[in-house]
Amino acid sequence: MIVPQLIEVGFKGNRKEFFLWEAEEAPPLRAPVIVDADRGEDLGLVHTTGELAEQRSARVPHGLLGAPPSHVAKRLASADDVRRLDEVRALDDDARRRAMERVKANALVMKVTDAEWQWDRKKLTFYFTAEKRVDFCTLVRELASMFRTRIELKQIGVRDEAKRLDGVGRCGREYCSASWLPELRPVNLGVAKDQRLSLNPAQISGACGRLMCCLRYEHEFYVQSRKR
């Protein structure tokens, strides 16, 4: 009897989702899999399986938090499937540039930071940042006509932008948000004061312009160290 299990799959820009895997054996970590997506199929890499996937699903922001999975991972991807994904990814940057041209033409105050084609090219998602609410109804119609596919625009914060685009921080390591940090928690000047750090924003801010994530998750260590 096959017992379905939960797996976590990663996609472009550190985006992850949970799916039900209905085969007898769990797929290997980092294996490419074809999954159910919005009106079609997408391809991602296995991030966690089994017990670890269950644990993460209960605590990470993108987790199911006790709800049953609504999407299924269909099968392992073939070499041709992976090659097709590479071809699709090569189209992303051109799509972002063309979208930015339409943003400027419509005089919209927003920054298109990334574009992501779905593996089957039935959907194209644009990620953007903006200071205020943006009415992009006309833009969506123009993009749908231009690319002849379903268009979705997702507004993200500057921290999420850094997590999605990745990079190297002032410490010389990959951004924590992009490499391992499971949740982007609020950071305030209080934690910098507790750690007796400089309150100069230029010295304690990350590449995103916000206070560095490490100030938050290292806070308890500094508090306990001072007590000792």
C-alpha atoms as a PDB file:
ATOM      1  CA  MET A   1       0.000   0.000   0.000  1.00  0.00           C
ATOM      2  CA  ILE A   2       1.409   3.403  -1.017  1.00  0.00           C
ATOM      3  CA  VAL A   3       1.305   6.011   1.753  1.00  0.00           C
ATOM      4  CA  PRO A   4       1.407   9.562   0.323  1.00  0.00           C
ATOM      5  CA  GLN A   5       3.917  11.867   1.958  1.00  0.00           C
ATOM      6  CA  LEU A   6       4.621  15.574   2.026  1.00  0.00           C
ATOM      7  CA  ILE A   7       7.544  17.074   0.123  1.00  0.00           C
ATOM      8  CA  GLU A   8       8.807  20.645  -0.111  1.00  0.00           C
ATOM      9  CA  VAL A   9       9.844  21.901  -3.546  1.00  0.00           C
ATOM     10  CA  GLY A  10      11.975  24.939  -4.322  1.00  0.00           C
ATOM     11  CA  PHE A  11      11.639  27.182  -7.374  1.00  0.00           C
ATOM     12  CA  LYS A  12      13.346  30.262  -8.750  1.00  0.00           C
ATOM     13  CA  GLY A  13      14.069  33.083  -6.316  1.00  0.00           C
ATOM     14  CA  ASN A  14      13.972  30.939  -3.146  1.00  0.00           C
ATOM     15  CA  ARG A  15      10.235  30.383  -3.592  1.00  0.00           C
ATOM     16  CA  LYS A  16       9.133  27.129  -1.949  1.00  0.00           C
ATOM     17  CA  GLU A  17       5.843  25.239  -1.727  1.00  0.00           C
ATOM     18  CA  PHE A  18       4.593  21.950  -0.273  1.00  0.00           C
ATOM     19  CA  PHE A  19       3.143  19.125  -2.374  1.00  0.00           C
ATOM     20  CA  LEU A  20       1.799  15.632  -1.893  1.00  0.00           C
ATOM     21  CA  TRP A  21       4.041  12.873  -3.274  1.00  0.00           C
ATOM     22  CA  GLU A  22       2.062   9.716  -4.029  1.00  0.00           C
ATOM     23  CA  ALA A  23       4.825   7.344  -5.174  1.00  0.00           C
ATOM     24  CA  GLU A  24       6.136   4.501  -3.011  1.00  0.00           C
ATOM     25  CA  GLU A  25       9.567   6.041  -2.386  1.00  0.00           C
ATOM     26  CA  ALA A  26      10.364   9.665  -1.612  1.00  0.00           C
ATOM     27  CA  PRO A  27      12.253  11.504  -4.370  1.00  0.00           C
ATOM     28  CA  PRO A  28      15.943  12.255  -3.730  1.00  0.00           C
ATOM     29  CA  LEU A  29      16.844  15.685  -2.382  1.00  0.00           C
ATOM     30  CA  ARG A  30      17.603  18.230  -5.135  1.00  0.00           C
ATOM     31  CA  ALA A  31      15.854  15.975  -7.664  1.00  0.00           C
ATOM     32  CA  PRO A  32      13.821  17.870 -10.310  1.00  0.00           C
ATOM     33  CA  VAL A  33      10.082  17.144 -10.139  1.00  0.00           C
ATOM     34  CA  ILE A  34       7.025  18.164 -12.168  1.00  0.00           C
ATOM     35  CA  VAL A  35       4.259  19.572  -9.944  1.00  0.00           C
ATOM     36  CA  ASP A  36       0.717  20.879 -10.233  1.00  0.00           C
ATOM     37  CA  ALA A  37       0.669  24.642 -10.771  1.00  0.00           C
ATOM     38  CA  ASP A  38      -1.740  27.411 -11.696  1.00  0.00           C
ATOM     39  CA  ARG A  39      -3.720  25.935 -14.639  1.00  0.00           C
ATOM     40  CA  GLY A  40      -0.748  23.828 -15.653  1.00  0.00           C
ATOM     41  CA  GLU A  41       2.570  22.386 -14.507  1.00  0.00           C
ATOM     42  CA  ASP A  42       5.801  23.725 -13.053  1.00  0.00           C
ATOM     43  CA  LEU A  43       9.246  22.267 -12.383  1.00  0.00           C
ATOM     44  CA  GLY A  44      11.196  22.613  -9.144  1.00  0.00           C
ATOM     45  CA  LEU A  45      13.839  20.894  -7.038  1.00  0.00           C
ATOM     46  CA  VAL A  46      13.055  18.773  -3.973  1.00  0.00           C
ATOM     47  CA  HIS A  47      14.100  20.675  -0.848  1.00  0.00           C
ATOM     48  CA  THR A  48      12.857  18.454   1.997  1.00  0.00           C
ATOM     49  CA  THR A  49      10.852  15.227   2.327  1.00  0.00           C
ATOM     50  CA  GLY A  50       9.191  13.093   4.983  1.00  0.00           C
ATOM     51  CA  GLU A  51       9.396  14.101   8.638  1.00  0.00           C
ATOM     52  CA  LEU A  52      11.502  17.203   8.004  1.00  0.00           C
ATOM     53  CA  ALA A  53       9.006  18.449   5.415  1.00  0.00           C
ATOM     54  CA  GLU A  54       6.171  17.891   7.921  1.00  0.00           C
ATOM     55  CA  GLN A  55       8.047  19.852  10.599  1.00  0.00           C
ATOM     56  CA  ARG A  56       8.830  22.742   8.268  1.00  0.00           C
ATOM     57  CA  SER A  57       5.278  22.842   6.942  1.00  0.00           C
ATOM     58  CA  ALA A  58       4.051  23.515  10.478  1.00  0.00           C
ATOM     59  CA  ARG A  59       6.309  26.518  11.127  1.00  0.00           C
ATOM     60  CA  VAL A  60       7.570  28.271   7.992  1.00  0.00           C
ATOM     61  CA  PRO A  61       5.538  31.165   6.490  1.00  0.00           C
ATOM     62  CA  HIS A  62       4.864  29.253   3.249  1.00  0.00           C
ATOM     63  CA  GLY A  63       3.858  26.113   5.155  1.00  0.00           C
ATOM     64  CA  LEU A  64       0.448  24.448   5.189  1.00  0.00           C
ATOM     65  CA  LEU A  65       0.117  25.069   8.955  1.00  0.00           C
ATOM     66  CA  GLY A  66      -1.995  21.952   9.476  1.00  0.00           C
ATOM     67  CA  ALA A  67      -4.091  22.226   6.318  1.00  0.00           C
ATOM     68  CA  PRO A  68      -4.001  19.336   3.815  1.00  0.00           C
ATOM     69  CA  PRO A  69      -1.883  19.883   0.684  1.00  0.00           C
ATOM     70  CA  SER A  70      -3.950  21.052  -2.283  1.00  0.00           C
ATOM     71  CA  HIS A  71      -1.370  20.324  -4.977  1.00  0.00           C
ATOM     72  CA  VAL A  72       0.411  17.157  -6.069  1.00  0.00           C
ATOM     73  CA  ALA A  73       3.954  16.510  -7.270  1.00  0.00           C
ATOM     74  CA  LYS A  74       3.314  14.369 -10.329  1.00  0.00           C
ATOM     75  CA  ARG A  75       6.623  12.746 -11.244  1.00  0.00           C
ATOM     76  CA  LEU A  76      10.369  13.046 -11.484  1.00  0.00           C
ATOM     77  CA  ALA A  77      11.420  15.353 -14.311  1.00  0.00           C
ATOM     78  CA  SER A  78      13.276  13.987 -17.324  1.00  0.00           C
ATOM     79  CA  ALA A  79      16.434  15.437 -18.863  1.00  0.00           C
ATOM     80  CA  ASP A  80      14.275  16.972 -21.600  1.00  0.00           C
ATOM     81  CA  ASP A  81      12.067  18.588 -18.940  1.00  0.00           C
ATOM     82  CA  VAL A  82      15.103  20.157 -17.261  1.00  0.00           C
ATOM     83  CA  ARG A  83      16.453  21.363 -20.592  1.00  0.00           C
ATOM     84  CA  ARG A  84      13.089  22.962 -21.311  1.00  0.00           C
ATOM     85  CA  LEU A  85      13.242  24.742 -17.931  1.00  0.00           C
ATOM     86  CA  ASP A  86      16.668  26.168 -18.811  1.00  0.00           C
ATOM     87  CA  GLU A  87      15.190  27.528 -22.048  1.00  0.00           C
ATOM     88  CA  VAL A  88      12.279  29.092 -20.139  1.00  0.00           C
ATOM     89  CA  ARG A  89      14.565  30.659 -17.504  1.00  0.00           C
ATOM     90  CA  ALA A  90      16.571  32.277 -20.293  1.00  0.00           C
ATOM     91  CA  LEU A  91      13.424  34.223 -21.244  1.00  0.00           C
ATOM     92  CA  ASP A  92      12.833  35.706 -17.782  1.00  0.00           C
ATOM     93  CA  ASP A  93      15.157  38.710 -17.983  1.00  0.00           C
ATOM     94  CA  ASP A  94      13.853  39.777 -21.378  1.00  0.00           C
ATOM     95  CA  ALA A  95      10.304  39.601 -19.998  1.00  0.00           C
ATOM     96  CA  ARG A  96      11.307  41.783 -17.033  1.00  0.00           C
ATOM     97  CA  ARG A  97      12.882  44.417 -19.304  1.00  0.00           C
ATOM     98  CA  ARG A  98       9.841  44.526 -21.585  1.00  0.00           C
ATOM     99  CA  ALA A  99       7.565  44.868 -18.559  1.00  0.00           C
ATOM    100  CA  MET A 100       9.667  47.784 -17.269  1.00  0.00           C
ATOM    101  CA  GLU A 101       9.219  49.523 -20.625  1.00  0.00           C
ATOM    102  CA  ARG A 102       5.440  49.290 -20.229  1.00  0.00           C
ATOM    103  CA  VAL A 103       5.690  50.495 -16.611  1.00  0.00           C
ATOM    104  CA  LYS A 104       7.515  53.633 -17.795  1.00  0.00           C
ATOM    105  CA  ALA A 105       5.080  54.125 -20.672  1.00  0.00           C
ATOM    106  CA  ASN A 106       2.194  54.057 -18.186  1.00  0.00           C
ATOM    107  CA  ALA A 107       4.052  56.354 -15.739  1.00  0.00           C
ATOM    108  CA  LEU A 108       3.630  53.862 -12.882  1.00  0.00           C
ATOM    109  CA  VAL A 109       5.714  54.352  -9.751  1.00  0.00           C
ATOM    110  CA  MET A 110       6.894  50.767  -9.284  1.00  0.00           C
ATOM    111  CA  LYS A 111      10.039  48.710  -9.811  1.00  0.00           C
ATOM    112  CA  VAL A 112       9.795  45.332 -11.541  1.00  0.00           C
ATOM    113  CA  THR A 113      12.485  43.311  -9.784  1.00  0.00           C
ATOM    114  CA  ASP A 114      12.029  39.891 -11.362  1.00  0.00           C
ATOM    115  CA  ALA A 115      10.015  37.829 -13.829  1.00  0.00           C
ATOM    116  CA  GLU A 116       9.319  34.097 -13.649  1.00  0.00           C
ATOM    117  CA  TRP A 117       7.802  31.999 -16.413  1.00  0.00           C
ATOM    118  CA  GLN A 118       5.963  28.878 -15.311  1.00  0.00           C
ATOM    119  CA  TRP A 119       7.639  25.756 -16.754  1.00  0.00           C
ATOM    120  CA  ASP A 120       4.795  25.096 -19.223  1.00  0.00           C
ATOM    121  CA  ARG A 121       4.649  28.825 -20.142  1.00  0.00           C
ATOM    122  CA  LYS A 122       0.962  29.045 -19.229  1.00  0.00           C
ATOM    123  CA  LYS A 123       1.677  31.769 -16.670  1.00  0.00           C
ATOM    124  CA  LEU A 124       4.162  34.627 -16.250  1.00  0.00           C
ATOM    125  CA  THR A 125       4.641  36.209 -12.823  1.00  0.00           C
ATOM    126  CA  PHE A 126       6.209  39.634 -12.285  1.00  0.00           C
ATOM    127  CA  TYR A 127       7.498  40.613  -8.835  1.00  0.00           C
ATOM    128  CA  PHE A 128       7.619  44.322  -8.030  1.00  0.00           C
ATOM    129  CA  THR A 129       8.240  46.773  -5.214  1.00  0.00           C
ATOM    130  CA  ALA A 130       6.393  50.049  -4.721  1.00  0.00           C
ATOM    131  CA  GLU A 131       6.104  52.671  -2.000  1.00  0.00           C
ATOM    132  CA  LYS A 132       2.344  53.051  -2.446  1.00  0.00           C
ATOM    133  CA  ARG A 133      -0.593  51.176  -3.911  1.00  0.00           C
ATOM    134  CA  VAL A 134      -0.368  50.867  -7.700  1.00  0.00           C
ATOM    135  CA  ASP A 135      -3.305  50.567 -10.112  1.00  0.00           C
ATOM    136  CA  PHE A 136      -1.827  48.183 -12.675  1.00  0.00           C
ATOM    137  CA  CYS A 137      -5.000  46.956 -14.419  1.00  0.00           C
ATOM    138  CA  THR A 138      -3.993  48.542 -17.730  1.00  0.00           C
ATOM    139  CA  LEU A 139      -0.465  47.180 -17.371  1.00  0.00           C
ATOM    140  CA  VAL A 140      -1.749  43.619 -16.858  1.00  0.00           C
ATOM    141  CA  ARG A 141      -3.874  43.840 -20.007  1.00  0.00           C
ATOM    142  CA  GLU A 142      -0.930  45.128 -22.032  1.00  0.00           C
ATOM    143  CA  LEU A 143       1.381  42.402 -20.724  1.00  0.00           C
ATOM    144  CA  ALA A 144      -1.208  39.686 -21.392  1.00  0.00           C
ATOM    145  CA  SER A 145      -1.533  40.929 -24.970  1.00  0.00           C
ATOM    146  CA  MET A 146       2.254  41.128 -25.348  1.00  0.00           C
ATOM    147  CA  PHE A 147       3.127  37.680 -23.962  1.00  0.00           C
ATOM    148  CA  ARG A 148      -0.161  35.888 -24.762  1.00  0.00           C
ATOM    149  CA  THR A 149      -0.318  34.064 -21.439  1.00  0.00           C
ATOM    150  CA  ARG A 150      -1.802  34.463 -17.962  1.00  0.00           C
ATOM    151  CA  ILE A 151      -0.127  37.375 -16.139  1.00  0.00           C
ATOM    152  CA  GLU A 152       0.240  37.788 -12.387  1.00  0.00           C
ATOM    153  CA  LEU A 153       1.821  40.783 -10.636  1.00  0.00           C
ATOM    154  CA  LYS A 154       3.006  40.264  -7.047  1.00  0.00           C
ATOM    155  CA  GLN A 155       4.051  43.134  -4.823  1.00  0.00           C
ATOM    156  CA  ILE A 156       6.879  42.234  -2.441  1.00  0.00           C
ATOM    157  CA  GLY A 157       8.820  44.145   0.213  1.00  0.00           C
ATOM    158  CA  VAL A 158      12.462  45.139  -0.108  1.00  0.00           C
ATOM    159  CA  ARG A 159      13.521  42.298   2.198  1.00  0.00           C
ATOM    160  CA  ASP A 160      11.651  39.790   0.076  1.00  0.00           C
ATOM    161  CA  GLU A 161      13.314  41.348  -2.962  1.00  0.00           C
ATOM    162  CA  ALA A 162      16.760  40.724  -1.452  1.00  0.00           C
ATOM    163  CA  LYS A 163      15.741  37.164  -0.581  1.00  0.00           C
ATOM    164  CA  ARG A 164      14.545  36.545  -4.118  1.00  0.00           C
ATOM    165  CA  LEU A 165      17.490  38.100  -5.973  1.00  0.00           C
ATOM    166  CA  ASP A 166      20.179  36.905  -3.487  1.00  0.00           C
ATOM    167  CA  GLY A 167      23.642  38.398  -3.115  1.00  0.00           C
ATOM    168  CA  VAL A 168      26.609  38.784  -0.751  1.00  0.00           C
ATOM    169  CA  GLY A 169      26.242  40.735   2.490  1.00  0.00           C
ATOM    170  CA  ARG A 170      28.761  43.007   4.196  1.00  0.00           C
ATOM    171  CA  CYS A 171      29.980  39.977   6.177  1.00  0.00           C
ATOM    172  CA  GLY A 172      31.153  38.364   2.930  1.00  0.00           C
ATOM    173  CA  ARG A 173      28.570  35.591   3.052  1.00  0.00           C
ATOM    174  CA  GLU A 174      25.378  34.912   1.089  1.00  0.00           C
ATOM    175  CA  TYR A 175      22.316  36.771   2.379  1.00  0.00           C
ATOM    176  CA  CYS A 176      20.847  34.925   5.372  1.00  0.00           C
ATOM    177  CA  SER A 177      17.345  35.496   3.984  1.00  0.00           C
ATOM    178  CA  ALA A 178      18.285  33.753   0.740  1.00  0.00           C
ATOM    179  CA  SER A 179      20.424  30.934   2.120  1.00  0.00           C
ATOM    180  CA  TRP A 180      18.929  29.576   5.343  1.00  0.00           C
ATOM    181  CA  LEU A 181      16.742  31.989   7.325  1.00  0.00           C
ATOM    182  CA  PRO A 182      13.249  30.410   7.415  1.00  0.00           C
ATOM    183  CA  GLU A 183      11.329  33.556   8.355  1.00  0.00           C
ATOM    184  CA  LEU A 184      11.887  37.303   7.907  1.00  0.00           C
ATOM    185  CA  ARG A 185      11.014  38.661  11.349  1.00  0.00           C
ATOM    186  CA  PRO A 186      10.754  42.395  12.176  1.00  0.00           C
ATOM    187  CA  VAL A 187      13.979  44.082  13.320  1.00  0.00           C
ATOM    188  CA  ASN A 188      14.057  47.323  15.309  1.00  0.00           C
ATOM    189  CA  LEU A 189      16.713  49.593  16.804  1.00  0.00           C
ATOM    190  CA  GLY A 190      16.049  48.122  20.239  1.00  0.00           C
ATOM    191  CA  VAL A 191      17.983  44.957  19.406  1.00  0.00           C
ATOM    192  CA  ALA A 192      20.948  47.023  18.206  1.00  0.00           C
ATOM    193  CA  LYS A 193      20.906  48.963  21.487  1.00  0.00           C
ATOM    194  CA  ASP A 194      20.790  45.719  23.502  1.00  0.00           C
ATOM    195  CA  GLN A 195      23.862  44.503  21.601  1.00  0.00           C
ATOM    196  CA  ARG A 196      25.611  47.870  22.157  1.00  0.00           C
ATOM    197  CA  LEU A 197      26.135  48.394  18.450  1.00  0.00           C
ATOM    198  CA  SER A 198      26.453  51.654  16.565  1.00  0.00           C
ATOM    199  CA  LEU A 199      23.041  53.162  15.859  1.00  0.00           C
ATOM    200  CA  ASN A 200      24.276  54.576  12.568  1.00  0.00           C
ATOM    201  CA  PRO A 201      21.859  53.061   9.980  1.00  0.00           C
ATOM    202  CA  ALA A 202      24.646  52.844   7.385  1.00  0.00           C
ATOM    203  CA  GLN A 203      26.564  50.439   9.632  1.00  0.00           C
ATOM    204  CA  ILE A 204      23.740  48.148  10.729  1.00  0.00           C
ATOM    205  CA  SER A 205      21.623  47.992   7.562  1.00  0.00           C
ATOM    206  CA  GLY A 206      21.749  45.274   4.925  1.00  0.00           C
ATOM    207  CA  ALA A 207      21.764  45.556   1.145  1.00  0.00           C
ATOM    208  CA  CYS A 208      17.972  45.933   1.164  1.00  0.00           C
ATOM    209  CA  GLY A 209      18.268  49.161   3.164  1.00  0.00           C
ATOM    210  CA  ARG A 210      16.590  47.667   6.234  1.00  0.00           C
ATOM    211  CA  LEU A 211      18.219  46.654   9.525  1.00  0.00           C
ATOM    212  CA  MET A 212      20.219  43.434   9.104  1.00  0.00           C
ATOM    213  CA  CYS A 213      18.358  40.184   9.809  1.00  0.00           C
ATOM    214  CA  CYS A 214      21.242  38.894  11.956  1.00  0.00           C
ATOM    215  CA  LEU A 215      20.509  41.600  14.553  1.00  0.00           C
ATOM    216  CA  ARG A 216      17.259  39.765  15.275  1.00  0.00           C
ATOM    217  CA  TYR A 217      18.302  36.132  15.349  1.00  0.00           C
ATOM    218  CA  GLU A 218      21.593  36.807  17.196  1.00  0.00           C
ATOM    219  CA  HIS A 219      19.887  38.995  19.805  1.00  0.00           C
ATOM    220  CA  GLU A 220      19.278  36.288  22.415  1.00  0.00           C
ATOM    221  CA  PHE A 221      22.921  35.158  22.203  1.00  0.00           C
ATOM    222  CA  TYR A 222      24.176  38.660  23.019  1.00  0.00           C
ATOM    223  CA  VAL A 223      21.707  39.066  25.907  1.00  0.00           C
ATOM    224  CA  GLN A 224      22.699  35.736  27.482  1.00  0.00           C
ATOM    225  CA  SER A 225      26.418  36.394  26.946  1.00  0.00           C
ATOM    226  CA  ARG A 226      26.219  39.688  28.843  1.00  0.00           C
ATOM    227  CA  LYS A 227      24.406  37.998  31.708  1.00  0.00           C
ATOM    228  CA  ARG A 228      27.267  35.498  32.029  1.00  0.00           C
END
